[in-house]
Structures are given as C-alpha cells and as structure tokens.
Amino acid sequence: MLLEIVSPEATLFSSEVDSVVLPGVNGEFQLLNNHSPIISLLSAGTIKIHTHKQSHLASDELHASIVPQSDDNKILTVKINSGTIEMKDNKVIVLAD
C-alpha cells in the first residue's frame, strides 16, 4: 500500500509500505494492505512504518524526523503531536502536526 505523511511544511514520506501502526485517539491501531476505508483522528505519539527496504529515504534536514527503529532497521518511526488519517483503495494519507 502507498503511505504518504504530510506536514504543514512538506511531504515527509511517500512510498510503498507493508503496514503502518498509528497512535489513534482511542489507542494504537495498525493498517495493512486491503484494509477497509477509514478516517480517524490521531493523538500525540509515534507512527511506525513497516517497510521492506530503505532505499527510498532521503537523508536531508526535512526528513530527519523519520528514523529507523533501533532494534529493526525495516521499521521507521515518526513522532507526531496530532493528525488525521484516511485510508482508501490501498492509499494511506496522514496529515500530521
């Protein structure tokens, strides 16, 4: 599925991923390929992006907030303060603060 994480400044992440774990207002939840359509609010926390490769990562100042998890470099993490998520037709869009 395609994941896009967009902040007020720019698109922080845009790539195919295996799954994504998000900090929902009622607790953490995971989205996998072919998940039913969903719109939800996000609370402060960490987004965990499960990838099968990291060759798509840019190492510039804008993307510095996306870091590999210490025990598994195929899991990328992004800290957010709040946000909104929409998933439809295997495309996930996260609007994050």
PDB file of N, CA and C in Angstrom:
ATOM      1  N   MET A   1       0.843  -1.181   0.000  1.00  0.00           N
ATOM      2  CA  MET A   1       0.000   0.000   0.000  1.00  0.00           C
ATOM      3  C   MET A   1       0.883   1.237   0.000  1.00  0.00           C
ATOM      4  N   LEU A   2       0.323   2.338  -0.488  1.00  0.00           N
ATOM      5  CA  LEU A   2       1.068   3.588  -0.548  1.00  0.00           C
ATOM      6  C   LEU A   2       0.797   4.405   0.707  1.00  0.00           C
ATOM      7  N   LEU A   3       1.845   4.872   1.356  1.00  0.00           N
ATOM      8  CA  LEU A   3       1.727   5.715   2.543  1.00  0.00           C
ATOM      9  C   LEU A   3       2.319   7.079   2.242  1.00  0.00           C
ATOM     10  N   GLU A   4       1.554   8.130   2.547  1.00  0.00           N
ATOM     11  CA  GLU A   4       2.050   9.499   2.459  1.00  0.00           C
ATOM     12  C   GLU A   4       1.859  10.154   3.811  1.00  0.00           C
ATOM     13  N   ILE A   5       2.924  10.756   4.338  1.00  0.00           N
ATOM     14  CA  ILE A   5       2.844  11.529   5.578  1.00  0.00           C
ATOM     15  C   ILE A   5       3.136  12.969   5.204  1.00  0.00           C
ATOM     16  N   VAL A   6       2.152  13.826   5.440  1.00  0.00           N
ATOM     17  CA  VAL A   6       2.239  15.219   5.038  1.00  0.00           C
ATOM     18  C   VAL A   6       2.177  16.106   6.275  1.00  0.00           C
ATOM     19  N   SER A   7       3.130  17.032   6.387  1.00  0.00           N
ATOM     20  CA  SER A   7       3.130  18.013   7.470  1.00  0.00           C
ATOM     21  C   SER A   7       2.785  19.366   6.856  1.00  0.00           C
ATOM     22  N   PRO A   8       2.557  20.386   7.677  1.00  0.00           N
ATOM     23  CA  PRO A   8       2.305  21.716   7.108  1.00  0.00           C
ATOM     24  C   PRO A   8       3.463  22.230   6.236  1.00  0.00           C
ATOM     25  N   GLU A   9       4.681  21.747   6.496  1.00  0.00           N
ATOM     26  CA  GLU A   9       5.851  22.205   5.754  1.00  0.00           C
ATOM     27  C   GLU A   9       6.020  21.507   4.411  1.00  0.00           C
ATOM     28  N   ALA A  10       5.795  20.179   4.381  1.00  0.00           N
ATOM     29  CA  ALA A  10       6.075  19.412   3.163  1.00  0.00           C
ATOM     30  C   ALA A  10       5.627  17.967   3.324  1.00  0.00           C
ATOM     31  N   THR A  11       5.770  17.199   2.262  1.00  0.00           N
ATOM     32  CA  THR A  11       5.544  15.757   2.328  1.00  0.00           C
ATOM     33  C   THR A  11       6.784  15.127   2.951  1.00  0.00           C
ATOM     34  N   LEU A  12       6.610  14.488   4.112  1.00  0.00           N
ATOM     35  CA  LEU A  12       7.738  13.896   4.829  1.00  0.00           C
ATOM     36  C   LEU A  12       8.078  12.505   4.330  1.00  0.00           C
ATOM     37  N   PHE A  13       7.067  11.778   3.848  1.00  0.00           N
ATOM     38  CA  PHE A  13       7.276  10.384   3.452  1.00  0.00           C
ATOM     39  C   PHE A  13       6.263  10.036   2.382  1.00  0.00           C
ATOM     40  N   SER A  14       6.696   9.336   1.356  1.00  0.00           N
ATOM     41  CA  SER A  14       5.797   8.851   0.311  1.00  0.00           C
ATOM     42  C   SER A  14       6.430   7.622  -0.314  1.00  0.00           C
ATOM     43  N   SER A  15       5.866   6.436  -0.006  1.00  0.00           N
ATOM     44  CA  SER A  15       6.444   5.201  -0.511  1.00  0.00           C
ATOM     45  C   SER A  15       5.491   4.040  -0.268  1.00  0.00           C
ATOM     46  N   GLU A  16       5.749   2.946  -0.947  1.00  0.00           N
ATOM     47  CA  GLU A  16       5.040   1.703  -0.690  1.00  0.00           C
ATOM     48  C   GLU A  16       5.535   1.129   0.637  1.00  0.00           C
ATOM     49  N   VAL A  17       4.616   0.634   1.463  1.00  0.00           N
ATOM     50  CA  VAL A  17       4.966   0.056   2.758  1.00  0.00           C
ATOM     51  C   VAL A  17       4.207  -1.251   2.952  1.00  0.00           C
ATOM     52  N   ASP A  18       4.667  -2.055   3.918  1.00  0.00           N
ATOM     53  CA  ASP A  18       3.986  -3.302   4.251  1.00  0.00           C
ATOM     54  C   ASP A  18       2.822  -3.061   5.201  1.00  0.00           C
ATOM     55  N   SER A  19       3.029  -2.180   6.189  1.00  0.00           N
ATOM     56  CA  SER A  19       1.982  -1.832   7.142  1.00  0.00           C
ATOM     57  C   SER A  19       2.380  -0.558   7.870  1.00  0.00           C
ATOM     58  N   VAL A  20       1.422   0.006   8.599  1.00  0.00           N
ATOM     59  CA  VAL A  20       1.693   1.207   9.392  1.00  0.00           C
ATOM     60  C   VAL A  20       0.904   1.113  10.690  1.00  0.00           C
ATOM     61  N   VAL A  21       1.554   1.468  11.799  1.00  0.00           N
ATOM     62  CA  VAL A  21       0.915   1.498  13.116  1.00  0.00           C
ATOM     63  C   VAL A  21       0.795   2.961  13.520  1.00  0.00           C
ATOM     64  N   LEU A  22      -0.425   3.354  13.917  1.00  0.00           N
ATOM     65  CA  LEU A  22      -0.726   4.767  14.171  1.00  0.00           C
ATOM     66  C   LEU A  22      -1.251   4.972  15.588  1.00  0.00           C
ATOM     67  N   PRO A  23      -0.954   6.147  16.190  1.00  0.00           N
ATOM     68  CA  PRO A  23      -1.451   6.453  17.538  1.00  0.00           C
ATOM     69  C   PRO A  23      -2.843   7.090  17.477  1.00  0.00           C
ATOM     70  N   GLY A  24      -3.871   6.273  17.479  1.00  0.00           N
ATOM     71  CA  GLY A  24      -5.235   6.786  17.428  1.00  0.00           C
ATOM     72  C   GLY A  24      -5.665   7.402  18.750  1.00  0.00           C
ATOM     73  N   VAL A  25      -6.736   8.182  18.733  1.00  0.00           N
ATOM     74  CA  VAL A  25      -7.218   8.822  19.963  1.00  0.00           C
ATOM     75  C   VAL A  25      -7.767   7.795  20.957  1.00  0.00           C
ATOM     76  N   ASN A  26      -8.160   6.618  20.484  1.00  0.00           N
ATOM     77  CA  ASN A  26      -8.644   5.552  21.365  1.00  0.00           C
ATOM     78  C   ASN A  26      -7.638   4.414  21.494  1.00  0.00           C
ATOM     79  N   GLY A  27      -6.397   4.664  21.118  1.00  0.00           N
ATOM     80  CA  GLY A  27      -5.351   3.653  21.211  1.00  0.00           C
ATOM     81  C   GLY A  27      -4.689   3.403  19.873  1.00  0.00           C
ATOM     82  N   GLU A  28      -3.607   2.659  19.923  1.00  0.00           N
ATOM     83  CA  GLU A  28      -2.816   2.367  18.741  1.00  0.00           C
ATOM     84  C   GLU A  28      -3.569   1.393  17.827  1.00  0.00           C
ATOM     85  N   PHE A  29      -3.461   1.594  16.495  1.00  0.00           N
ATOM     86  CA  PHE A  29      -4.057   0.654  15.552  1.00  0.00           C
ATOM     87  C   PHE A  29      -3.159   0.498  14.335  1.00  0.00           C
ATOM     88  N   GLN A  30      -3.333  -0.648  13.644  1.00  0.00           N
ATOM     89  CA  GLN A  30      -2.477  -0.984  12.510  1.00  0.00           C
ATOM     90  C   GLN A  30      -3.310  -1.077  11.238  1.00  0.00           C
ATOM     91  N   LEU A  31      -2.731  -0.617  10.128  1.00  0.00           N
ATOM     92  CA  LEU A  31      -3.351  -0.742   8.820  1.00  0.00           C
ATOM     93  C   LEU A  31      -2.484  -1.632   7.945  1.00  0.00           C
ATOM     94  N   LEU A  32      -3.121  -2.595   7.293  1.00  0.00           N
ATOM     95  CA  LEU A  32      -2.449  -3.496   6.370  1.00  0.00           C
ATOM     96  C   LEU A  32      -3.031  -3.308   4.982  1.00  0.00           C
ATOM     97  N   ASN A  33      -2.413  -3.912   3.998  1.00  0.00           N
ATOM     98  CA  ASN A  33      -2.902  -3.871   2.638  1.00  0.00           C
ATOM     99  C   ASN A  33      -4.358  -4.352   2.580  1.00  0.00           C
ATOM    100  N   ASN A  34      -5.175  -3.728   1.753  1.00  0.00           N
ATOM    101  CA  ASN A  34      -6.588  -4.062   1.552  1.00  0.00           C
ATOM    102  C   ASN A  34      -7.468  -3.815   2.775  1.00  0.00           C
ATOM    103  N   HIS A  35      -7.041  -2.946   3.680  1.00  0.00           N
ATOM    104  CA  HIS A  35      -7.869  -2.560   4.826  1.00  0.00           C
ATOM    105  C   HIS A  35      -9.096  -1.815   4.313  1.00  0.00           C
ATOM    106  N   SER A  36     -10.190  -1.933   5.010  1.00  0.00           N
ATOM    107  CA  SER A  36     -11.398  -1.212   4.607  1.00  0.00           C
ATOM    108  C   SER A  36     -11.176   0.291   4.757  1.00  0.00           C
ATOM    109  N   PRO A  37     -11.920   1.099   4.017  1.00  0.00           N
ATOM    110  CA  PRO A  37     -11.744   2.560   4.116  1.00  0.00           C
ATOM    111  C   PRO A  37     -11.950   3.043   5.557  1.00  0.00           C
ATOM    112  N   ILE A  38     -11.140   4.004   5.961  1.00  0.00           N
ATOM    113  CA  ILE A  38     -11.208   4.524   7.327  1.00  0.00           C
ATOM    114  C   ILE A  38     -10.724   5.973   7.338  1.00  0.00           C
ATOM    115  N   ILE A  39     -11.350   6.753   8.215  1.00  0.00           N
ATOM    116  CA  ILE A  39     -10.885   8.105   8.541  1.00  0.00           C
ATOM    117  C   ILE A  39     -10.840   8.173  10.051  1.00  0.00           C
ATOM    118  N   SER A  40      -9.736   8.678  10.613  1.00  0.00           N
ATOM    119  CA  SER A  40      -9.602   8.702  12.071  1.00  0.00           C
ATOM    120  C   SER A  40      -8.720   9.871  12.494  1.00  0.00           C
ATOM    121  N   LEU A  41      -8.921  10.309  13.734  1.00  0.00           N
ATOM    122  CA  LEU A  41      -8.056  11.315  14.346  1.00  0.00           C
ATOM    123  C   LEU A  41      -6.880  10.622  15.008  1.00  0.00           C
ATOM    124  N   LEU A  42      -5.744  11.296  15.034  1.00  0.00           N
ATOM    125  CA  LEU A  42      -4.544  10.764  15.671  1.00  0.00           C
ATOM    126  C   LEU A  42      -4.168  11.645  16.852  1.00  0.00           C
ATOM    127  N   SER A  43      -3.609  11.013  17.872  1.00  0.00           N
ATOM    128  CA  SER A  43      -3.147  11.755  19.037  1.00  0.00           C
ATOM    129  C   SER A  43      -1.625  11.806  19.026  1.00  0.00           C
ATOM    130  N   ALA A  44      -1.059  12.465  19.999  1.00  0.00           N
ATOM    131  CA  ALA A  44       0.400  12.541  20.110  1.00  0.00           C
ATOM    132  C   ALA A  44       0.964  11.136  20.286  1.00  0.00           C
ATOM    133  N   GLY A  45       2.032  10.854  19.580  1.00  0.00           N
ATOM    134  CA  GLY A  45       2.640   9.532  19.672  1.00  0.00           C
ATOM    135  C   GLY A  45       3.593   9.291  18.533  1.00  0.00           C
ATOM    136  N   THR A  46       3.813   8.003  18.246  1.00  0.00           N
ATOM    137  CA  THR A  46       4.778   7.602  17.226  1.00  0.00           C
ATOM    138  C   THR A  46       4.098   6.777  16.142  1.00  0.00           C
ATOM    139  N   ILE A  47       4.339   7.150  14.908  1.00  0.00           N
ATOM    140  CA  ILE A  47       3.906   6.352  13.765  1.00  0.00           C
ATOM    141  C   ILE A  47       5.027   5.364  13.472  1.00  0.00           C
ATOM    142  N   LYS A  48       4.681   4.070  13.327  1.00  0.00           N
ATOM    143  CA  LYS A  48       5.672   3.040  12.992  1.00  0.00           C
ATOM    144  C   LYS A  48       5.372   2.540  11.583  1.00  0.00           C
ATOM    145  N   ILE A  49       6.349   2.707  10.706  1.00  0.00           N
ATOM    146  CA  ILE A  49       6.204   2.345   9.303  1.00  0.00           C
ATOM    147  C   ILE A  49       7.001   1.068   9.053  1.00  0.00           C
ATOM    148  N   HIS A  50       6.324   0.001   8.655  1.00  0.00           N
ATOM    149  CA  HIS A  50       6.983  -1.272   8.368  1.00  0.00           C
ATOM    150  C   HIS A  50       7.273  -1.334   6.866  1.00  0.00           C
ATOM    151  N   THR A  51       8.555  -1.323   6.517  1.00  0.00           N
ATOM    152  CA  THR A  51       8.981  -1.327   5.122  1.00  0.00           C
ATOM    153  C   THR A  51       9.737  -2.614   4.814  1.00  0.00           C
ATOM    154  N   HIS A  52       9.962  -2.867   3.545  1.00  0.00           N
ATOM    155  CA  HIS A  52      10.800  -3.995   3.162  1.00  0.00           C
ATOM    156  C   HIS A  52      12.153  -3.519   2.647  1.00  0.00           C
ATOM    157  N   LYS A  53      12.336  -2.191   2.523  1.00  0.00           N
ATOM    158  CA  LYS A  53      13.620  -1.624   2.132  1.00  0.00           C
ATOM    159  C   LYS A  53      13.680  -0.170   2.580  1.00  0.00           C
ATOM    160  N   GLN A  54      14.878   0.410   2.572  1.00  0.00           N
ATOM    161  CA  GLN A  54      15.039   1.802   2.972  1.00  0.00           C
ATOM    162  C   GLN A  54      15.654   2.655   1.878  1.00  0.00           C
ATOM    163  N   SER A  55      15.741   2.157   0.684  1.00  0.00           N
ATOM    164  CA  SER A  55      16.418   2.906  -0.370  1.00  0.00           C
ATOM    165  C   SER A  55      15.682   4.184  -0.758  1.00  0.00           C
ATOM    166  N   HIS A  56      14.416   4.322  -0.359  1.00  0.00           N
ATOM    167  CA  HIS A  56      13.617   5.494  -0.706  1.00  0.00           C
ATOM    168  C   HIS A  56      13.811   6.655   0.270  1.00  0.00           C
ATOM    169  N   LEU A  57      14.570   6.479   1.330  1.00  0.00           N
ATOM    170  CA  LEU A  57      14.733   7.528   2.325  1.00  0.00           C
ATOM    171  C   LEU A  57      15.733   8.586   1.889  1.00  0.00           C
ATOM    172  N   ALA A  58      15.330   9.818   2.067  1.00  0.00           N
ATOM    173  CA  ALA A  58      16.246  10.938   1.820  1.00  0.00           C
ATOM    174  C   ALA A  58      16.923  11.291   3.133  1.00  0.00           C
ATOM    175  N   SER A  59      18.176  11.649   3.091  1.00  0.00           N
ATOM    176  CA  SER A  59      18.889  11.985   4.332  1.00  0.00           C
ATOM    177  C   SER A  59      19.148  13.489   4.395  1.00  0.00           C
ATOM    178  N   ASP A  60      18.086  14.266   4.278  1.00  0.00           N
ATOM    179  CA  ASP A  60      18.226  15.714   4.372  1.00  0.00           C
ATOM    180  C   ASP A  60      17.553  16.217   5.649  1.00  0.00           C
ATOM    181  N   GLU A  61      17.630  17.502   5.882  1.00  0.00           N
ATOM    182  CA  GLU A  61      17.108  18.080   7.122  1.00  0.00           C
ATOM    183  C   GLU A  61      15.599  17.907   7.257  1.00  0.00           C
ATOM    184  N   LEU A  62      14.854  18.008   6.152  1.00  0.00           N
ATOM    185  CA  LEU A  62      13.401  17.872   6.185  1.00  0.00           C
ATOM    186  C   LEU A  62      12.964  16.480   6.628  1.00  0.00           C
ATOM    187  N   HIS A  63      13.694  15.445   6.215  1.00  0.00           N
ATOM    188  CA  HIS A  63      13.320  14.071   6.528  1.00  0.00           C
ATOM    189  C   HIS A  63      14.033  13.521   7.771  1.00  0.00           C
ATOM    190  N   ALA A  64      14.689  14.374   8.520  1.00  0.00           N
ATOM    191  CA  ALA A  64      15.428  13.937   9.703  1.00  0.00           C
ATOM    192  C   ALA A  64      14.515  13.395  10.795  1.00  0.00           C
ATOM    193  N   SER A  65      13.228  13.728  10.766  1.00  0.00           N
ATOM    194  CA  SER A  65      12.299  13.249  11.783  1.00  0.00           C
ATOM    195  C   SER A  65      11.913  11.785  11.576  1.00  0.00           C
ATOM    196  N   ILE A  66      12.245  11.208  10.423  1.00  0.00           N
ATOM    197  CA  ILE A  66      11.968   9.800  10.142  1.00  0.00           C
ATOM    198  C   ILE A  66      13.234   9.015  10.443  1.00  0.00           C
ATOM    199  N   VAL A  67      13.177   8.187  11.476  1.00  0.00           N
ATOM    200  CA  VAL A  67      14.373   7.457  11.900  1.00  0.00           C
ATOM    201  C   VAL A  67      14.100   5.961  11.984  1.00  0.00           C
ATOM    202  N   PRO A  68      15.091   5.132  11.657  1.00  0.00           N
ATOM    203  CA  PRO A  68      14.936   3.688  11.823  1.00  0.00           C
ATOM    204  C   PRO A  68      14.829   3.323  13.303  1.00  0.00           C
ATOM    205  N   GLN A  69      14.002   2.328  13.596  1.00  0.00           N
ATOM    206  CA  GLN A  69      13.884   1.838  14.969  1.00  0.00           C
ATOM    207  C   GLN A  69      15.194   1.160  15.339  1.00  0.00           C
ATOM    208  N   SER A  70      15.633   1.302  16.578  1.00  0.00           N
ATOM    209  CA  SER A  70      16.960   0.828  16.983  1.00  0.00           C
ATOM    210  C   SER A  70      17.147  -0.680  16.844  1.00  0.00           C
ATOM    211  N   ASP A  71      16.095  -1.474  17.082  1.00  0.00           N
ATOM    212  CA  ASP A  71      16.258  -2.925  17.033  1.00  0.00           C
ATOM    213  C   ASP A  71      15.860  -3.548  15.694  1.00  0.00           C
ATOM    214  N   ASP A  72      15.295  -2.767  14.768  1.00  0.00           N
ATOM    215  CA  ASP A  72      14.890  -3.290  13.465  1.00  0.00           C
ATOM    216  C   ASP A  72      14.913  -2.157  12.448  1.00  0.00           C
ATOM    217  N   ASN A  73      15.883  -2.171  11.543  1.00  0.00           N
ATOM    218  CA  ASN A  73      16.023  -1.051  10.611  1.00  0.00           C
ATOM    219  C   ASN A  73      14.989  -1.059   9.480  1.00  0.00           C
ATOM    220  N   LYS A  74      14.090  -2.042   9.448  1.00  0.00           N
ATOM    221  CA  LYS A  74      12.997  -2.036   8.473  1.00  0.00           C
ATOM    222  C   LYS A  74      11.744  -1.365   9.041  1.00  0.00           C
ATOM    223  N   ILE A  75      11.830  -0.914  10.289  1.00  0.00           N
ATOM    224  CA  ILE A  75      10.735  -0.167  10.908  1.00  0.00           C
ATOM    225  C   ILE A  75      11.207   1.266  11.105  1.00  0.00           C
ATOM    226  N   LEU A  76      10.500   2.195  10.471  1.00  0.00           N
ATOM    227  CA  LEU A  76      10.819   3.611  10.585  1.00  0.00           C
ATOM    228  C   LEU A  76       9.828   4.246  11.547  1.00  0.00           C
ATOM    229  N   THR A  77      10.264   5.233  12.301  1.00  0.00           N
ATOM    230  CA  THR A  77       9.387   5.893  13.259  1.00  0.00           C
ATOM    231  C   THR A  77       9.348   7.388  13.008  1.00  0.00           C
ATOM    232  N   VAL A  78       8.174   7.968  13.259  1.00  0.00           N
ATOM    233  CA  VAL A  78       7.964   9.405  13.130  1.00  0.00           C
ATOM    234  C   VAL A  78       7.121   9.840  14.320  1.00  0.00           C
ATOM    235  N   LYS A  79       7.593  10.811  15.093  1.00  0.00           N
ATOM    236  CA  LYS A  79       6.825  11.340  16.217  1.00  0.00           C
ATOM    237  C   LYS A  79       5.908  12.458  15.728  1.00  0.00           C
ATOM    238  N   ILE A  80       4.644  12.421  16.188  1.00  0.00           N
ATOM    239  CA  ILE A  80       3.685  13.465  15.819  1.00  0.00           C
ATOM    240  C   ILE A  80       3.001  13.999  17.066  1.00  0.00           C
ATOM    241  N   ASN A  81       2.430  15.202  16.965  1.00  0.00           N
ATOM    242  CA  ASN A  81       1.669  15.792  18.064  1.00  0.00           C
ATOM    243  C   ASN A  81       0.182  15.512  17.925  1.00  0.00           C
ATOM    244  N   SER A  82      -0.297  15.449  16.690  1.00  0.00           N
ATOM    245  CA  SER A  82      -1.693  15.131  16.397  1.00  0.00           C
ATOM    246  C   SER A  82      -1.806  14.952  14.898  1.00  0.00           C
ATOM    247  N   GLY A  83      -2.996  14.591  14.432  1.00  0.00           N
ATOM    248  CA  GLY A  83      -3.165  14.446  13.000  1.00  0.00           C
ATOM    249  C   GLY A  83      -4.468  13.781  12.623  1.00  0.00           C
ATOM    250  N   THR A  84      -4.576  13.509  11.339  1.00  0.00           N
ATOM    251  CA  THR A  84      -5.741  12.841  10.757  1.00  0.00           C
ATOM    252  C   THR A  84      -5.224  11.830   9.749  1.00  0.00           C
ATOM    253  N   ILE A  85      -5.938  10.702   9.636  1.00  0.00           N
ATOM    254  CA  ILE A  85      -5.534   9.665   8.691  1.00  0.00           C
ATOM    255  C   ILE A  85      -6.739   9.275   7.852  1.00  0.00           C
ATOM    256  N   GLU A  86      -6.485   9.040   6.568  1.00  0.00           N
ATOM    257  CA  GLU A  86      -7.513   8.495   5.684  1.00  0.00           C
ATOM    258  C   GLU A  86      -6.894   7.354   4.897  1.00  0.00           C
ATOM    259  N   MET A  87      -7.613   6.217   4.844  1.00  0.00           N
ATOM    260  CA  MET A  87      -7.185   5.099   4.001  1.00  0.00           C
ATOM    261  C   MET A  87      -8.318   4.749   3.069  1.00  0.00           C
ATOM    262  N   LYS A  88      -7.988   4.654   1.785  1.00  0.00           N
ATOM    263  CA  LYS A  88      -8.980   4.276   0.779  1.00  0.00           C
ATOM    264  C   LYS A  88      -8.220   3.719  -0.415  1.00  0.00           C
ATOM    265  N   ASP A  89      -8.659   2.592  -0.931  1.00  0.00           N
ATOM    266  CA  ASP A  89      -8.052   1.970  -2.119  1.00  0.00           C
ATOM    267  C   ASP A  89      -6.544   1.766  -1.977  1.00  0.00           C
ATOM    268  N   ASN A  90      -6.121   1.243  -0.830  1.00  0.00           N
ATOM    269  CA  ASN A  90      -4.719   0.964  -0.534  1.00  0.00           C
ATOM    270  C   ASN A  90      -3.813   2.172  -0.592  1.00  0.00           C
ATOM    271  N   LYS A  91      -4.377   3.351  -0.302  1.00  0.00           N
ATOM    272  CA  LYS A  91      -3.584   4.569  -0.174  1.00  0.00           C
ATOM    273  C   LYS A  91      -3.889   5.182   1.186  1.00  0.00           C
ATOM    274  N   VAL A  92      -2.837   5.380   1.983  1.00  0.00           N
ATOM    275  CA  VAL A  92      -2.968   5.974   3.316  1.00  0.00           C
ATOM    276  C   VAL A  92      -2.374   7.366   3.272  1.00  0.00           C
ATOM    277  N   ILE A  93      -3.175   8.360   3.691  1.00  0.00           N
ATOM    278  CA  ILE A  93      -2.687   9.728   3.781  1.00  0.00           C
ATOM    279  C   ILE A  93      -2.764  10.155   5.235  1.00  0.00           C
ATOM    280  N   VAL A  94      -1.633  10.566   5.787  1.00  0.00           N
ATOM    281  CA  VAL A  94      -1.560  11.053   7.156  1.00  0.00           C
ATOM    282  C   VAL A  94      -1.262  12.551   7.088  1.00  0.00           C
ATOM    283  N   LEU A  95      -2.155  13.353   7.666  1.00  0.00           N
ATOM    284  CA  LEU A  95      -1.903  14.784   7.820  1.00  0.00           C
ATOM    285  C   LEU A  95      -1.452  14.977   9.254  1.00  0.00           C
ATOM    286  N   ALA A  96      -0.195  15.297   9.456  1.00  0.00           N
ATOM    287  CA  ALA A  96       0.398  15.297  10.796  1.00  0.00           C
ATOM    288  C   ALA A  96       0.903  16.674  11.195  1.00  0.00           C
ATOM    289  N   ASP A  97       0.812  16.944  12.499  1.00  0.00           N
ATOM    290  CA  ASP A  97       1.392  18.141  13.087  1.00  0.00           C
ATOM    291  C   ASP A  97       2.681  17.769  13.780  1.00  0.00           C
TER     292      ASP A  97
END
